[in-house]
C-alpha atoms as a PDB file:
ATOM      1  CA  UNK A   1    -145.179  19.687-138.984  1.00  0.00           C
ATOM      2  CA  UNK A   2    -144.056  22.067-136.169  1.00  0.00           C
ATOM      3  CA  UNK A   3    -141.050  23.847-135.402  1.00  0.00           C
ATOM      4  CA  UNK A   4    -140.061  21.393-132.421  1.00  0.00           C
ATOM      5  CA  UNK A   5    -139.912  18.908-135.274  1.00  0.00           C
ATOM      6  CA  UNK A   6    -137.898  21.021-137.649  1.00  0.00           C
ATOM      7  CA  UNK A   7    -135.445  21.775-134.448  1.00  0.00           C
ATOM      8  CA  UNK A   8    -135.275  17.823-134.024  1.00  0.00           C
ATOM      9  CA  UNK A   9    -134.696  17.199-137.554  1.00  0.00           C
ATOM     10  CA  UNK A  10    -131.539  19.933-137.732  1.00  0.00           C
ATOM     11  CA  UNK A  11    -129.898  18.447-134.432  1.00  0.00           C
ATOM     12  CA  UNK A  12    -130.095  15.085-135.882  1.00  0.00           C
ATOM     13  CA  UNK A  13    -128.833  16.213-139.348  1.00  0.00           C
ATOM     14  CA  UNK A  14    -125.782  17.802-137.712  1.00  0.00           C
ATOM     15  CA  UNK A  15    -125.048  14.868-135.368  1.00  0.00           C
ATOM     16  CA  UNK A  16    -125.922  12.065-137.970  1.00  0.00           C
ATOM     17  CA  UNK A  17    -126.475  10.073-134.876  1.00  0.00           C
ATOM     18  CA  UNK A  18    -129.978   9.916-133.317  1.00  0.00           C
ATOM     19  CA  UNK A  19    -128.398   8.903-129.892  1.00  0.00           C
ATOM     20  CA  UNK A  20    -126.324  11.965-129.776  1.00  0.00           C
ATOM     21  CA  UNK A  21    -128.917  14.342-131.093  1.00  0.00           C
ATOM     22  CA  UNK A  22    -131.461  12.885-128.365  1.00  0.00           C
ATOM     23  CA  UNK A  23    -128.906  13.565-125.647  1.00  0.00           C
ATOM     24  CA  UNK A  24    -128.419  17.308-126.650  1.00  0.00           C
ATOM     25  CA  UNK A  25    -132.039  17.681-127.037  1.00  0.00           C
ATOM     26  CA  UNK A  26    -132.843  16.027-123.777  1.00  0.00           C
ATOM     27  CA  UNK A  27    -135.371  13.603-125.191  1.00  0.00           C
ATOM     28  CA  UNK A  28    -135.212  10.097-125.502  1.00  0.00           C
ATOM     29  CA  UNK A  29    -134.042   8.073-128.544  1.00  0.00           C
ATOM     30  CA  UNK A  30    -137.350   6.488-129.369  1.00  0.00           C
ATOM     31  CA  UNK A  31    -139.301   9.788-129.173  1.00  0.00           C
ATOM     32  CA  UNK A  32    -136.665  11.510-131.462  1.00  0.00           C
ATOM     33  CA  UNK A  33    -136.989   8.678-134.018  1.00  0.00           C
ATOM     34  CA  UNK A  34    -140.903   8.891-133.961  1.00  0.00           C
ATOM     35  CA  UNK A  35    -140.710  12.583-134.597  1.00  0.00           C
ATOM     36  CA  UNK A  36    -138.507  11.918-137.605  1.00  0.00           C
ATOM     37  CA  UNK A  37    -140.693   9.199-138.811  1.00  0.00           C
ATOM     38  CA  UNK A  38    -143.724  11.631-138.521  1.00  0.00           C
ATOM     39  CA  UNK A  39    -142.081  14.228-140.850  1.00  0.00           C
ATOM     40  CA  UNK A  40    -141.025  11.717-143.250  1.00  0.00           C
ATOM     41  CA  UNK A  41    -144.764  10.457-143.652  1.00  0.00           C
ATOM     42  CA  UNK A  42    -145.947  14.013-143.644  1.00  0.00           C
ATOM     43  CA  UNK A  43    -143.294  15.304-146.346  1.00  0.00           C
ATOM     44  CA  UNK A  44    -143.510  11.819-148.350  1.00  0.00           C
ATOM     45  CA  UNK A  45    -139.784  11.662-148.423  1.00  0.00           C
ATOM     46  CA  UNK A  46    -137.004   9.639-146.447  1.00  0.00           C
ATOM     47  CA  UNK A  47    -134.596  12.060-144.780  1.00  0.00           C
ATOM     48  CA  UNK A  48    -131.781   9.742-143.211  1.00  0.00           C
ATOM     49  CA  UNK A  49    -130.495   6.645-144.511  1.00  0.00           C
ATOM     50  CA  UNK A  50    -129.667   4.339-141.666  1.00  0.00           C
ATOM     51  CA  UNK A  51    -127.324   1.241-141.553  1.00  0.00           C
ATOM     52  CA  UNK A  52    -125.887  -0.694-138.660  1.00  0.00           C
ATOM     53  CA  UNK A  53    -122.449   1.403-139.048  1.00  0.00           C
ATOM     54  CA  UNK A  54    -123.368   4.920-139.872  1.00  0.00           C
ATOM     55  CA  UNK A  55    -126.349   7.546-140.543  1.00  0.00           C
ATOM     56  CA  UNK A  56    -126.418   9.804-143.565  1.00  0.00           C
ATOM     57  CA  UNK A  57    -128.719  12.388-144.915  1.00  0.00           C
ATOM     58  CA  UNK A  58    -130.756  11.439-148.129  1.00  0.00           C
ATOM     59  CA  UNK A  59    -130.469  13.983-151.188  1.00  0.00           C
ATOM     60  CA  UNK A  60    -134.039  15.242-149.893  1.00  0.00           C
ATOM     61  CA  UNK A  61    -132.745  15.435-146.344  1.00  0.00           C
ATOM     62  CA  UNK A  62    -129.616  17.643-147.688  1.00  0.00           C
ATOM     63  CA  UNK A  63    -131.923  20.111-149.269  1.00  0.00           C
ATOM     64  CA  UNK A  64    -134.134  20.227-146.477  1.00  0.00           C
ATOM     65  CA  UNK A  65    -131.446  20.625-144.095  1.00  0.00           C
ATOM     66  CA  UNK A  66    -130.053  23.969-146.039  1.00  0.00           C
ATOM     67  CA  UNK A  67    -133.771  25.614-146.123  1.00  0.00           C
ATOM     68  CA  UNK A  68    -134.874  24.525-142.655  1.00  0.00           C
ATOM     69  CA  UNK A  69    -132.126  25.947-141.085  1.00  0.00           C
ATOM     70  CA  UNK A  70    -132.727  29.462-142.509  1.00  0.00           C
ATOM     71  CA  UNK A  71    -136.652  28.908-141.806  1.00  0.00           C
ATOM     72  CA  UNK A  72    -135.707  27.874-138.207  1.00  0.00           C
ATOM     73  CA  UNK A  73    -133.215  30.790-137.596  1.00  0.00           C
ATOM     74  CA  UNK A  74    -135.598  33.353-139.149  1.00  0.00           C
ATOM     75  CA  UNK A  75    -138.505  32.068-137.088  1.00  0.00           C
ATOM     76  CA  UNK A  76    -136.412  32.354-133.618  1.00  0.00           C
ATOM     77  CA  UNK A  77    -135.376  35.793-134.607  1.00  0.00           C
ATOM     78  CA  UNK A  78    -138.832  37.056-135.659  1.00  0.00           C
ATOM     79  CA  UNK A  79    -140.252  35.606-132.357  1.00  0.00           C
ATOM     80  CA  UNK A  80    -137.633  36.836-129.935  1.00  0.00           C
ATOM     81  CA  UNK A  81    -137.915  40.422-131.553  1.00  0.00           C
ATOM     82  CA  UNK A  82    -141.340  40.391-131.348  1.00  0.00           C
ATOM     83  CA  UNK A  83    -140.937  39.553-127.701  1.00  0.00           C
ATOM     84  CA  UNK A  84    -138.626  42.082-127.180  1.00  0.00           C
ATOM     85  CA  UNK A  85    -140.541  44.889-128.962  1.00  0.00           C
ATOM     86  CA  UNK A  86    -143.550  43.883-126.653  1.00  0.00           C
ATOM     87  CA  UNK A  87    -141.770  43.678-123.278  1.00  0.00           C
ATOM     88  CA  UNK A  88    -138.963  46.324-123.965  1.00  0.00           C
ATOM     89  CA  UNK A  89    -136.733  43.814-122.780  1.00  0.00           C
ATOM     90  CA  UNK A  90    -133.167  44.935-121.633  1.00  0.00           C
ATOM     91  CA  UNK A  91    -130.602  43.699-118.914  1.00  0.00           C
ATOM     92  CA  UNK A  92    -127.325  42.166-118.711  1.00  0.00           C
ATOM     93  CA  UNK A  93    -125.370  39.004-118.737  1.00  0.00           C
ATOM     94  CA  UNK A  94    -121.992  38.408-116.745  1.00  0.00           C
ATOM     95  CA  UNK A  95    -119.803  35.537-118.217  1.00  0.00           C
ATOM     96  CA  UNK A  96    -116.795  34.440-116.768  1.00  0.00           C
ATOM     97  CA  UNK A  97    -114.020  32.781-118.547  1.00  0.00           C
ATOM     98  CA  UNK A  98    -111.469  30.622-117.073  1.00  0.00           C
ATOM     99  CA  UNK A  99    -108.144  32.257-117.634  1.00  0.00           C
ATOM    100  CA  UNK A 100    -105.761  30.868-120.282  1.00  0.00           C
ATOM    101  CA  UNK A 101    -108.861  29.210-122.157  1.00  0.00           C
ATOM    102  CA  UNK A 102    -109.019  29.529-125.914  1.00  0.00           C
ATOM    103  CA  UNK A 103    -112.769  30.377-126.421  1.00  0.00           C
ATOM    104  CA  UNK A 104    -112.625  32.650-129.833  1.00  0.00           C
ATOM    105  CA  UNK A 105    -114.466  29.996-131.742  1.00  0.00           C
ATOM    106  CA  UNK A 106    -117.325  29.760-129.395  1.00  0.00           C
ATOM    107  CA  UNK A 107    -118.822  33.053-129.179  1.00  0.00           C
ATOM    108  CA  UNK A 108    -119.403  34.350-132.640  1.00  0.00           C
ATOM    109  CA  UNK A 109    -122.838  32.843-133.107  1.00  0.00           C
ATOM    110  CA  UNK A 110    -124.335  33.444-129.651  1.00  0.00           C
ATOM    111  CA  UNK A 111    -123.137  37.177-129.599  1.00  0.00           C
ATOM    112  CA  UNK A 112    -124.463  37.872-133.228  1.00  0.00           C
ATOM    113  CA  UNK A 113    -127.727  35.943-132.083  1.00  0.00           C
ATOM    114  CA  UNK A 114    -128.159  38.437-128.989  1.00  0.00           C
ATOM    115  CA  UNK A 115    -127.208  41.718-130.831  1.00  0.00           C
ATOM    116  CA  UNK A 116    -129.783  40.908-133.418  1.00  0.00           C
ATOM    117  CA  UNK A 117    -132.550  39.695-131.084  1.00  0.00           C
ATOM    118  CA  UNK A 118    -131.897  41.483-127.761  1.00  0.00           C
ATOM    119  CA  UNK A 119    -130.171  44.465-128.689  1.00  0.00           C
ATOM    120  CA  UNK A 120    -130.787  46.015-125.470  1.00  0.00           C
ATOM    121  CA  UNK A 121    -128.856  43.139-123.272  1.00  0.00           C
ATOM    122  CA  UNK A 122    -125.282  44.097-122.255  1.00  0.00           C
ATOM    123  CA  UNK A 123    -123.116  41.073-122.197  1.00  0.00           C
ATOM    124  CA  UNK A 124    -119.862  41.508-120.208  1.00  0.00           C
ATOM    125  CA  UNK A 125    -117.316  38.882-120.317  1.00  0.00           C
ATOM    126  CA  UNK A 126    -114.227  38.563-118.156  1.00  0.00           C
ATOM    127  CA  UNK A 127    -111.539  35.872-117.412  1.00  0.00           C
ATOM    128  CA  UNK A 128    -111.082  34.753-113.892  1.00  0.00           C
ATOM    129  CA  UNK A 129    -109.348  31.900-112.159  1.00  0.00           C
ATOM    130  CA  UNK A 130    -110.897  28.702-110.901  1.00  0.00           C
ATOM    131  CA  UNK A 131    -112.020  30.239-107.408  1.00  0.00           C
ATOM    132  CA  UNK A 132    -113.386  33.337-108.486  1.00  0.00           C
ATOM    133  CA  UNK A 133    -115.570  31.619-111.245  1.00  0.00           C
ATOM    134  CA  UNK A 134    -117.076  29.317-108.399  1.00  0.00           C
ATOM    135  CA  UNK A 135    -117.574  32.483-106.179  1.00  0.00           C
ATOM    136  CA  UNK A 136    -119.138  34.309-108.718  1.00  0.00           C
ATOM    137  CA  UNK A 137    -121.556  31.872-109.863  1.00  0.00           C
ATOM    138  CA  UNK A 138    -122.536  31.044-106.183  1.00  0.00           C
ATOM    139  CA  UNK A 139    -122.800  34.699-105.223  1.00  0.00           C
ATOM    140  CA  UNK A 140    -125.103  35.757-108.427  1.00  0.00           C
ATOM    141  CA  UNK A 141    -121.957  38.022-109.646  1.00  0.00           C
ATOM    142  CA  UNK A 142    -121.766  35.904-112.790  1.00  0.00           C
ATOM    143  CA  UNK A 143    -124.699  34.353-114.666  1.00  0.00           C
ATOM    144  CA  UNK A 144    -122.319  31.841-116.596  1.00  0.00           C
ATOM    145  CA  UNK A 145    -119.160  30.602-116.413  1.00  0.00           C
ATOM    146  CA  UNK A 146    -116.873  28.739-118.823  1.00  0.00           C
ATOM    147  CA  UNK A 147    -114.457  26.501-116.753  1.00  0.00           C
ATOM    148  CA  UNK A 148    -113.481  23.027-116.420  1.00  0.00           C
ATOM    149  CA  UNK A 149    -115.896  20.033-116.062  1.00  0.00           C
ATOM    150  CA  UNK A 150    -114.191  18.211-112.747  1.00  0.00           C
ATOM    151  CA  UNK A 151    -114.332  21.873-110.880  1.00  0.00           C
ATOM    152  CA  UNK A 152    -118.126  22.258-111.225  1.00  0.00           C
ATOM    153  CA  UNK A 153    -119.502  18.718-111.755  1.00  0.00           C
ATOM    154  CA  UNK A 154    -119.893  17.921-108.188  1.00  0.00           C
ATOM    155  CA  UNK A 155    -121.420  21.211-107.107  1.00  0.00           C
ATOM    156  CA  UNK A 156    -125.317  20.600-106.388  1.00  0.00           C
ATOM    157  CA  UNK A 157    -126.715  23.833-107.221  1.00  0.00           C
ATOM    158  CA  UNK A 158    -124.834  24.081-110.703  1.00  0.00           C
ATOM    159  CA  UNK A 159    -125.961  22.809-113.836  1.00  0.00           C
ATOM    160  CA  UNK A 160    -123.480  22.645-117.084  1.00  0.00           C
ATOM    161  CA  UNK A 161    -123.394  21.382-120.738  1.00  0.00           C
ATOM    162  CA  UNK A 162    -120.127  20.308-122.144  1.00  0.00           C
ATOM    163  CA  UNK A 163    -118.747  22.515-124.703  1.00  0.00           C
ATOM    164  CA  UNK A 164    -115.889  20.322-126.004  1.00  0.00           C
ATOM    165  CA  UNK A 165    -114.175  17.212-124.707  1.00  0.00           C
ATOM    166  CA  UNK A 166    -110.421  18.048-123.773  1.00  0.00           C
ATOM    167  CA  UNK A 167    -107.831  16.073-122.159  1.00  0.00           C
ATOM    168  CA  UNK A 168    -104.684  16.435-119.828  1.00  0.00           C
ATOM    169  CA  UNK A 169    -101.282  17.242-120.770  1.00  0.00           C
ATOM    170  CA  UNK A 170     -97.900  17.776-119.013  1.00  0.00           C
ATOM    171  CA  UNK A 171     -96.542  20.918-120.335  1.00  0.00           C
ATOM    172  CA  UNK A 172     -93.112  21.579-120.344  1.00  0.00           C
ATOM    173  CA  UNK A 173     -90.470  24.403-121.466  1.00  0.00           C
ATOM    174  CA  UNK A 174     -89.101  23.668-125.096  1.00  0.00           C
ATOM    175  CA  UNK A 175     -85.625  23.360-123.527  1.00  0.00           C
ATOM    176  CA  UNK A 176     -86.611  20.752-120.751  1.00  0.00           C
ATOM    177  CA  UNK A 177     -85.037  17.331-120.913  1.00  0.00           C
ATOM    178  CA  UNK A 178     -88.493  15.753-121.578  1.00  0.00           C
ATOM    179  CA  UNK A 179     -89.404  18.226-124.533  1.00  0.00           C
ATOM    180  CA  UNK A 180     -88.252  15.630-127.106  1.00  0.00           C
ATOM    181  CA  UNK A 181     -90.917  13.481-126.242  1.00  0.00           C
ATOM    182  CA  UNK A 182     -94.731  13.154-127.174  1.00  0.00           C
ATOM    183  CA  UNK A 183     -95.752  11.095-124.227  1.00  0.00           C
ATOM    184  CA  UNK A 184     -94.727  10.863-120.482  1.00  0.00           C
ATOM    185  CA  UNK A 185     -95.833   8.674-117.801  1.00  0.00           C
ATOM    186  CA  UNK A 186     -96.236  10.344-114.341  1.00  0.00           C
ATOM    187  CA  UNK A 187     -93.660   8.112-112.780  1.00  0.00           C
ATOM    188  CA  UNK A 188     -90.954  10.046-115.025  1.00  0.00           C
ATOM    189  CA  UNK A 189     -91.726  13.236-113.146  1.00  0.00           C
ATOM    190  CA  UNK A 190     -90.818  12.166-109.562  1.00  0.00           C
ATOM    191  CA  UNK A 191     -87.775  14.270-109.314  1.00  0.00           C
ATOM    192  CA  UNK A 192     -89.567  17.314-111.364  1.00  0.00           C
ATOM    193  CA  UNK A 193     -90.725  20.592-109.717  1.00  0.00           C
ATOM    194  CA  UNK A 194     -94.306  20.274-110.532  1.00  0.00           C
ATOM    195  CA  UNK A 195     -96.667  23.279-110.604  1.00  0.00           C
ATOM    196  CA  UNK A 196    -100.250  23.065-109.938  1.00  0.00           C
ATOM    197  CA  UNK A 197    -103.057  25.744-108.716  1.00  0.00           C
ATOM    198  CA  UNK A 198    -103.123  26.132-105.201  1.00  0.00           C
ATOM    199  CA  UNK A 199    -105.707  24.415-102.759  1.00  0.00           C
ATOM    200  CA  UNK A 200    -107.470  27.857-102.296  1.00  0.00           C
ATOM    201  CA  UNK A 201    -108.087  28.354-106.134  1.00  0.00           C
ATOM    202  CA  UNK A 202    -109.111  24.813-106.762  1.00  0.00           C
ATOM    203  CA  UNK A 203    -108.975  22.145-104.223  1.00  0.00           C
ATOM    204  CA  UNK A 204    -110.192  19.737-107.007  1.00  0.00           C
ATOM    205  CA  UNK A 205    -107.764  20.257-109.708  1.00  0.00           C
ATOM    206  CA  UNK A 206    -104.683  19.616-107.058  1.00  0.00           C
ATOM    207  CA  UNK A 207    -106.578  16.629-105.683  1.00  0.00           C
ATOM    208  CA  UNK A 208    -107.264  14.894-108.747  1.00  0.00           C
ATOM    209  CA  UNK A 209    -103.270  15.408-109.619  1.00  0.00           C
ATOM    210  CA  UNK A 210    -102.019  14.228-106.611  1.00  0.00           C
ATOM    211  CA  UNK A 211    -104.303  11.442-106.578  1.00  0.00           C
ATOM    212  CA  UNK A 212    -103.002  10.325-109.909  1.00  0.00           C
ATOM    213  CA  UNK A 213     -99.164  10.682-108.516  1.00  0.00           C
ATOM    214  CA  UNK A 214    -100.340   8.584-105.646  1.00  0.00           C
ATOM    215  CA  UNK A 215    -101.492   5.784-107.842  1.00  0.00           C
ATOM    216  CA  UNK A 216     -98.328   5.360-109.545  1.00  0.00           C
ATOM    217  CA  UNK A 217     -96.500   5.533-106.300  1.00  0.00           C
ATOM    218  CA  UNK A 218     -94.738   8.908-106.683  1.00  0.00           C
ATOM    219  CA  UNK A 219     -94.502  11.878-104.427  1.00  0.00           C
ATOM    220  CA  UNK A 220     -93.694  15.071-106.449  1.00  0.00           C
ATOM    221  CA  UNK A 221     -92.021  18.002-105.569  1.00  0.00           C
ATOM    222  CA  UNK A 222     -94.739  20.591-105.493  1.00  0.00           C
ATOM    223  CA  UNK A 223     -94.671  24.235-106.189  1.00  0.00           C
ATOM    224  CA  UNK A 224     -98.357  25.786-105.884  1.00  0.00           C
ATOM    225  CA  UNK A 225     -99.329  28.839-107.814  1.00  0.00           C
ATOM    226  CA  UNK A 226    -101.859  30.986-106.964  1.00  0.00           C
ATOM    227  CA  UNK A 227    -103.824  30.881-110.179  1.00  0.00           C
ATOM    228  CA  UNK A 228    -103.566  29.093-113.753  1.00  0.00           C
ATOM    229  CA  UNK A 229    -102.015  32.403-115.190  1.00  0.00           C
ATOM    230  CA  UNK A 230     -99.311  32.164-112.967  1.00  0.00           C
ATOM    231  CA  UNK A 231     -98.748  28.535-113.629  1.00  0.00           C
ATOM    232  CA  UNK A 232     -98.754  29.160-117.271  1.00  0.00           C
ATOM    233  CA  UNK A 233     -96.253  31.932-116.635  1.00  0.00           C
ATOM    234  CA  UNK A 234     -93.821  29.826-114.684  1.00  0.00           C
ATOM    235  CA  UNK A 235     -94.110  26.853-116.914  1.00  0.00           C
ATOM    236  CA  UNK A 236     -92.974  29.433-119.756  1.00  0.00           C
ATOM    237  CA  UNK A 237     -89.918  30.624-117.476  1.00  0.00           C
ATOM    238  CA  UNK A 238     -88.830  26.693-117.062  1.00  0.00           C
ATOM    239  CA  UNK A 239     -89.353  27.073-113.249  1.00  0.00           C
ATOM    240  CA  UNK A 240     -91.249  23.766-113.476  1.00  0.00           C
ATOM    241  CA  UNK A 241     -93.887  21.656-115.226  1.00  0.00           C
ATOM    242  CA  UNK A 242     -97.638  21.635-115.125  1.00  0.00           C
ATOM    243  CA  UNK A 243    -100.608  20.063-116.226  1.00  0.00           C
ATOM    244  CA  UNK A 244    -102.838  21.823-118.571  1.00  0.00           C
ATOM    245  CA  UNK A 245    -105.734  20.844-120.776  1.00  0.00           C
ATOM    246  CA  UNK A 246    -106.016  20.912-124.713  1.00  0.00           C
ATOM    247  CA  UNK A 247    -107.799  24.298-124.706  1.00  0.00           C
ATOM    248  CA  UNK A 248    -105.192  26.057-122.922  1.00  0.00           C
ATOM    249  CA  UNK A 249    -103.925  28.988-125.081  1.00  0.00           C
ATOM    250  CA  UNK A 250    -100.302  27.776-124.574  1.00  0.00           C
ATOM    251  CA  UNK A 251    -101.036  24.815-126.776  1.00  0.00           C
ATOM    252  CA  UNK A 252     -99.573  26.561-129.837  1.00  0.00           C
ATOM    253  CA  UNK A 253     -96.833  28.727-127.990  1.00  0.00           C
ATOM    254  CA  UNK A 254     -93.691  27.466-129.431  1.00  0.00           C
ATOM    255  CA  UNK A 255     -91.924  28.086-126.134  1.00  0.00           C
ATOM    256  CA  UNK A 256     -93.691  24.941-124.411  1.00  0.00           C
ATOM    257  CA  UNK A 257     -94.417  21.481-125.271  1.00  0.00           C
ATOM    258  CA  UNK A 258     -97.669  19.764-124.494  1.00  0.00           C
ATOM    259  CA  UNK A 259     -96.901  15.897-123.864  1.00  0.00           C
ATOM    260  CA  UNK A 260     -99.759  13.098-123.592  1.00  0.00           C
ATOM    261  CA  UNK A 261    -100.338  11.799-120.139  1.00  0.00           C
ATOM    262  CA  UNK A 262    -102.478   9.196-119.158  1.00  0.00           C
ATOM    263  CA  UNK A 263    -105.756  11.139-117.771  1.00  0.00           C
ATOM    264  CA  UNK A 264    -106.120  12.022-114.287  1.00  0.00           C
ATOM    265  CA  UNK A 265    -109.218  14.136-114.559  1.00  0.00           C
ATOM    266  CA  UNK A 266    -111.865  15.195-117.102  1.00  0.00           C
ATOM    267  CA  UNK A 267    -110.650  18.658-117.890  1.00  0.00           C
ATOM    268  CA  UNK A 268    -113.551  18.772-120.623  1.00  0.00           C
ATOM    269  CA  UNK A 269    -114.587  22.717-121.249  1.00  0.00           C
ATOM    270  CA  UNK A 270    -118.245  23.273-119.834  1.00  0.00           C
ATOM    271  CA  UNK A 271    -120.788  26.073-119.774  1.00  0.00           C
ATOM    272  CA  UNK A 272    -121.975  26.314-116.412  1.00  0.00           C
ATOM    273  CA  UNK A 273    -124.784  28.245-114.461  1.00  0.00           C
ATOM    274  CA  UNK A 274    -126.497  28.403-111.014  1.00  0.00           C
ATOM    275  CA  UNK A 275    -129.777  26.256-111.059  1.00  0.00           C
ATOM    276  CA  UNK A 276    -131.502  28.971-109.355  1.00  0.00           C
ATOM    277  CA  UNK A 277    -130.667  31.748-111.698  1.00  0.00           C
ATOM    278  CA  UNK A 278    -133.295  34.376-112.287  1.00  0.00           C
ATOM    279  CA  UNK A 279    -131.614  35.860-115.086  1.00  0.00           C
ATOM    280  CA  UNK A 280    -134.017  35.018-118.096  1.00  0.00           C
ATOM    281  CA  UNK A 281    -131.177  35.416-120.597  1.00  0.00           C
ATOM    282  CA  UNK A 282    -129.299  32.514-119.184  1.00  0.00           C
ATOM    283  CA  UNK A 283    -131.067  29.551-121.135  1.00  0.00           C
ATOM    284  CA  UNK A 284    -131.267  31.891-124.266  1.00  0.00           C
ATOM    285  CA  UNK A 285    -127.403  32.172-124.035  1.00  0.00           C
ATOM    286  CA  UNK A 286    -126.693  28.316-123.182  1.00  0.00           C
ATOM    287  CA  UNK A 287    -129.403  27.147-125.959  1.00  0.00           C
ATOM    288  CA  UNK A 288    -127.529  29.416-128.690  1.00  0.00           C
ATOM    289  CA  UNK A 289    -124.050  28.755-127.502  1.00  0.00           C
ATOM    290  CA  UNK A 290    -121.533  26.736-129.834  1.00  0.00           C
ATOM    291  CA  UNK A 291    -120.766  23.102-128.756  1.00  0.00           C
ATOM    292  CA  UNK A 292    -118.190  20.989-130.445  1.00  0.00           C
ATOM    293  CA  UNK A 293    -118.342  17.280-130.807  1.00  0.00           C
END
């Protein structure tokens, strides 16, 4: 048994789905199944119980998951520390985060990992608007960015991994006439002042929203904000209404109300980087980042 097999088992045990685990590991589902079967044969135990409806760990699998996690983490830390000591590794990572996005639950593991394994690597994090994130990743000023999927999905030189699936919401002030509703149709917004980020900041965001209105036969009264931060402030001031994703920090703000709406985009949160990055810490960072099902 090798460490790759241990990794495959741990991911499968976390996902409880060979299909999801194989996708995360970037291997085929049959290949993952073969590796798990080889482990079971070597260990002489069954690790998973599989039915047509669900998969679960056996008692043996539960025990091994606990111990293998510690073994795998200790192995990675030991190897990384040895390499760091040998190479005298140091450097920096510049991470850009979309302004207004809640990320407090995403960083603890990766920051702890770097502090223990690569203590000489300086991780710098700052928030930016859509446009500055894209400019930064293209110019090399930013090594990684956290943004919404629709804004990077069509950029040829950028790779990304989805952090968490998210969805669109119409956001209104608590005193707005629509605040008593939980769901709203775009057709109901025809006479509202709709705030969206400017075309200069994110042409994709504006295009997707306007296309959504067009499909409904509605021409909204648009007020363009220079950034998401400005959009958020204007909604809080009841200047107009806007569209934000589930990860926006206003989601728990009592001054506004998030309403469900039929989706017009895929605003899932992603971690993205330039395919041609020369920073060796980029793959280490995204491999140890927190991804949420």
